[in-house]
Amino acid sequence: MIDRIYLSIIFLIVLGGIGYVGYQKIQAAEDEINRLRENSAILEQTVQVSTETIDRLEASAKETQEQIDELQVELRKAEEYKDELNEKLREHNLTKLSAAKPGLIQKRVNDATSEIFKELEEITSNP
């Protein structure tokens, strides 16, 4: 009879130990699950911020490319105008013409210079 009591007590102690170990494992698993959920939420926020940043960068790159395209068109126009002016200067020998008719050339050069200065002033002035 005493053997049965001792066996019952040992059985209860072993059962209690197994129950305690099981409880500790379940508690550790729940803690790990909670930690992983928190990490997942942080990662989702990080992904959202990264996606928004990528979208802004893509929009900025597109806008920059449009501006570059506009500037290239303006550059081509300016180069064509420069080529046109160079051709006119080749056609007319201003040194020879200014020696022959200084008053005519001087007035034209002064008027053109004045016009260019006005254009530069308009371009560079603050609105």
Foldseek 3Di string as FASTA:
>chain_A
DVVVVVVVVVVVVVVVVVVVVVVVVVVVVVVVVVVVVVVVVVVVVVVVVVVVVVVVVVVVVVVVVVVVVVVVVVVVVVVVVVVVVVVVCVVDPVVVVCVVPVVVSVVVVVVVVVVVVVVVCVVPDDD
